[in-house]
Amino acid sequence: MKYSISIEGMGCMHCVKKVKDTLENMNVKVISCEIGSAQVEYDGKSEDIKSAIENVGYKVKEIV
């Protein structure tokens, strides 16, 4: 399933790398990741994605 994620708290490319690496470590296919958002494909629950991103210090505003 494809998800668009809106993320608060990302301010630089280090933040982008941290979120991308976190998602890839969960076997999420990252289509794109930039400051403030990510597009991914994942067969699991969106709540898993939200928890992983928030555990590394960012706030997920929305996943659609």
N, C-alpha and C. Protein backbone atom coordinates (compact mmCIF):
# COMPACT_ATOMS: atom_id res chain seq x y z
N MET A 1 0.84 -1.18 0.00
CA MET A 1 0.00 0.00 0.00
C MET A 1 0.89 1.25 0.00
N LYS A 2 0.48 2.27 -0.72
CA LYS A 2 1.25 3.51 -0.76
C LYS A 2 0.72 4.48 0.29
N TYR A 3 1.65 5.14 0.97
CA TYR A 3 1.31 6.14 1.97
C TYR A 3 2.05 7.44 1.69
N SER A 4 1.36 8.56 1.92
CA SER A 4 1.99 9.89 1.94
C SER A 4 2.01 10.33 3.39
N ILE A 5 3.18 10.70 3.86
CA ILE A 5 3.35 11.03 5.27
C ILE A 5 3.77 12.48 5.41
N SER A 6 3.08 13.23 6.24
CA SER A 6 3.44 14.60 6.57
C SER A 6 4.13 14.58 7.93
N ILE A 7 5.36 15.14 7.98
CA ILE A 7 6.19 15.02 9.18
C ILE A 7 6.65 16.39 9.66
N GLU A 8 6.48 16.67 10.94
CA GLU A 8 6.97 17.92 11.55
C GLU A 8 8.31 17.68 12.23
N GLY A 9 9.15 18.70 12.23
CA GLY A 9 10.39 18.65 12.99
C GLY A 9 11.62 18.35 12.16
N MET A 10 11.44 18.09 10.87
CA MET A 10 12.60 17.84 10.00
C MET A 10 13.10 19.19 9.49
N GLY A 11 14.40 19.47 9.70
CA GLY A 11 14.91 20.77 9.31
C GLY A 11 16.11 20.75 8.39
N CYS A 12 16.67 19.56 8.14
CA CYS A 12 17.87 19.50 7.31
C CYS A 12 17.98 18.13 6.66
N MET A 13 18.99 17.95 5.85
CA MET A 13 19.17 16.68 5.16
C MET A 13 19.56 15.55 6.13
N HIS A 14 20.15 15.90 7.27
CA HIS A 14 20.43 14.87 8.29
C HIS A 14 19.11 14.27 8.78
N CYS A 15 18.11 15.13 8.97
CA CYS A 15 16.79 14.65 9.40
C CYS A 15 16.19 13.73 8.34
N VAL A 16 16.31 14.12 7.08
CA VAL A 16 15.80 13.31 5.97
C VAL A 16 16.45 11.93 6.00
N LYS A 17 17.78 11.89 6.16
CA LYS A 17 18.50 10.62 6.18
C LYS A 17 18.06 9.76 7.36
N LYS A 18 17.86 10.40 8.52
CA LYS A 18 17.46 9.66 9.72
C LYS A 18 16.09 8.99 9.51
N VAL A 19 15.13 9.74 8.94
CA VAL A 19 13.80 9.18 8.69
C VAL A 19 13.88 8.09 7.63
N LYS A 20 14.60 8.36 6.55
CA LYS A 20 14.72 7.36 5.47
C LYS A 20 15.36 6.07 5.99
N ASP A 21 16.45 6.19 6.73
CA ASP A 21 17.12 5.00 7.27
C ASP A 21 16.20 4.23 8.23
N THR A 22 15.45 4.95 9.04
CA THR A 22 14.52 4.31 9.98
C THR A 22 13.48 3.50 9.23
N LEU A 23 12.91 4.08 8.18
CA LEU A 23 11.89 3.38 7.41
C LEU A 23 12.47 2.19 6.66
N GLU A 24 13.63 2.38 6.06
CA GLU A 24 14.25 1.27 5.32
C GLU A 24 14.61 0.11 6.25
N ASN A 25 14.96 0.40 7.49
CA ASN A 25 15.27 -0.66 8.46
C ASN A 25 14.03 -1.47 8.83
N MET A 26 12.84 -0.94 8.55
CA MET A 26 11.58 -1.67 8.78
C MET A 26 11.10 -2.38 7.51
N ASN A 27 11.93 -2.38 6.48
CA ASN A 27 11.57 -2.94 5.18
C ASN A 27 10.44 -2.18 4.50
N VAL A 28 10.41 -0.87 4.74
CA VAL A 28 9.49 0.02 4.03
C VAL A 28 10.20 0.47 2.76
N LYS A 29 9.52 0.41 1.62
CA LYS A 29 10.10 0.92 0.38
C LYS A 29 9.88 2.43 0.35
N VAL A 30 10.97 3.20 0.40
CA VAL A 30 10.89 4.65 0.40
C VAL A 30 10.93 5.14 -1.05
N ILE A 31 9.83 5.70 -1.50
CA ILE A 31 9.75 6.25 -2.85
C ILE A 31 10.43 7.61 -2.89
N SER A 32 10.12 8.45 -1.90
CA SER A 32 10.80 9.74 -1.77
C SER A 32 10.76 10.15 -0.31
N CYS A 33 11.76 10.94 0.07
CA CYS A 33 11.83 11.46 1.44
C CYS A 33 12.49 12.83 1.34
N GLU A 34 11.80 13.84 1.84
CA GLU A 34 12.34 15.20 1.84
C GLU A 34 11.92 15.87 3.13
N ILE A 35 12.40 17.07 3.35
CA ILE A 35 12.06 17.78 4.58
C ILE A 35 10.55 17.96 4.65
N GLY A 36 9.96 17.38 5.67
CA GLY A 36 8.52 17.54 5.91
C GLY A 36 7.62 16.48 5.35
N SER A 37 8.16 15.57 4.53
CA SER A 37 7.27 14.56 3.97
C SER A 37 8.02 13.34 3.45
N ALA A 38 7.26 12.27 3.28
CA ALA A 38 7.80 11.05 2.69
C ALA A 38 6.68 10.32 1.95
N GLN A 39 7.05 9.63 0.89
CA GLN A 39 6.14 8.77 0.15
C GLN A 39 6.73 7.37 0.23
N VAL A 40 5.91 6.41 0.66
CA VAL A 40 6.42 5.06 0.87
C VAL A 40 5.43 4.01 0.39
N GLU A 41 5.94 2.79 0.24
CA GLU A 41 5.10 1.62 0.03
C GLU A 41 5.39 0.66 1.18
N TYR A 42 4.31 0.15 1.78
CA TYR A 42 4.47 -0.72 2.94
C TYR A 42 3.26 -1.62 3.06
N ASP A 43 3.48 -2.90 3.31
CA ASP A 43 2.38 -3.85 3.42
C ASP A 43 1.82 -3.94 4.83
N GLY A 44 2.49 -3.30 5.79
CA GLY A 44 2.02 -3.35 7.17
C GLY A 44 1.09 -2.19 7.49
N LYS A 45 0.91 -1.95 8.79
CA LYS A 45 -0.01 -0.91 9.26
C LYS A 45 0.68 0.46 9.27
N SER A 46 -0.09 1.49 8.95
CA SER A 46 0.44 2.85 8.98
C SER A 46 0.86 3.25 10.39
N GLU A 47 0.23 2.68 11.40
CA GLU A 47 0.60 2.97 12.79
C GLU A 47 2.05 2.56 13.08
N ASP A 48 2.52 1.49 12.43
CA ASP A 48 3.91 1.06 12.61
C ASP A 48 4.87 2.12 12.09
N ILE A 49 4.52 2.71 10.94
CA ILE A 49 5.34 3.77 10.36
C ILE A 49 5.36 4.98 11.29
N LYS A 50 4.18 5.37 11.75
CA LYS A 50 4.07 6.53 12.65
C LYS A 50 4.92 6.33 13.90
N SER A 51 4.80 5.17 14.51
CA SER A 51 5.56 4.90 15.74
C SER A 51 7.06 4.97 15.49
N ALA A 52 7.52 4.40 14.39
CA ALA A 52 8.96 4.40 14.09
C ALA A 52 9.49 5.81 13.90
N ILE A 53 8.76 6.64 13.16
CA ILE A 53 9.19 8.03 12.92
C ILE A 53 9.18 8.82 14.23
N GLU A 54 8.14 8.64 15.02
CA GLU A 54 8.06 9.39 16.28
C GLU A 54 9.09 8.92 17.29
N ASN A 55 9.49 7.65 17.22
CA ASN A 55 10.52 7.14 18.13
C ASN A 55 11.90 7.75 17.86
N VAL A 56 12.12 8.28 16.65
CA VAL A 56 13.42 8.92 16.37
C VAL A 56 13.32 10.46 16.46
N GLY A 57 12.19 10.97 16.99
CA GLY A 57 12.13 12.37 17.37
C GLY A 57 11.33 13.31 16.49
N TYR A 58 10.53 12.80 15.57
CA TYR A 58 9.74 13.66 14.70
C TYR A 58 8.25 13.41 14.94
N LYS A 59 7.41 14.37 14.57
CA LYS A 59 5.97 14.22 14.77
C LYS A 59 5.30 13.96 13.43
N VAL A 60 4.53 12.90 13.37
CA VAL A 60 3.76 12.59 12.17
C VAL A 60 2.43 13.33 12.26
N LYS A 61 2.22 14.26 11.31
CA LYS A 61 0.97 15.02 11.29
C LYS A 61 -0.14 14.25 10.62
N GLU A 62 0.20 13.52 9.56
CA GLU A 62 -0.84 12.84 8.79
C GLU A 62 -0.23 11.72 7.96
N ILE A 63 -0.95 10.63 7.83
CA ILE A 63 -0.59 9.56 6.90
C ILE A 63 -1.84 9.26 6.08
N VAL A 64 -1.71 9.41 4.77
CA VAL A 64 -2.84 9.09 3.89
C VAL A 64 -2.40 8.14 2.79
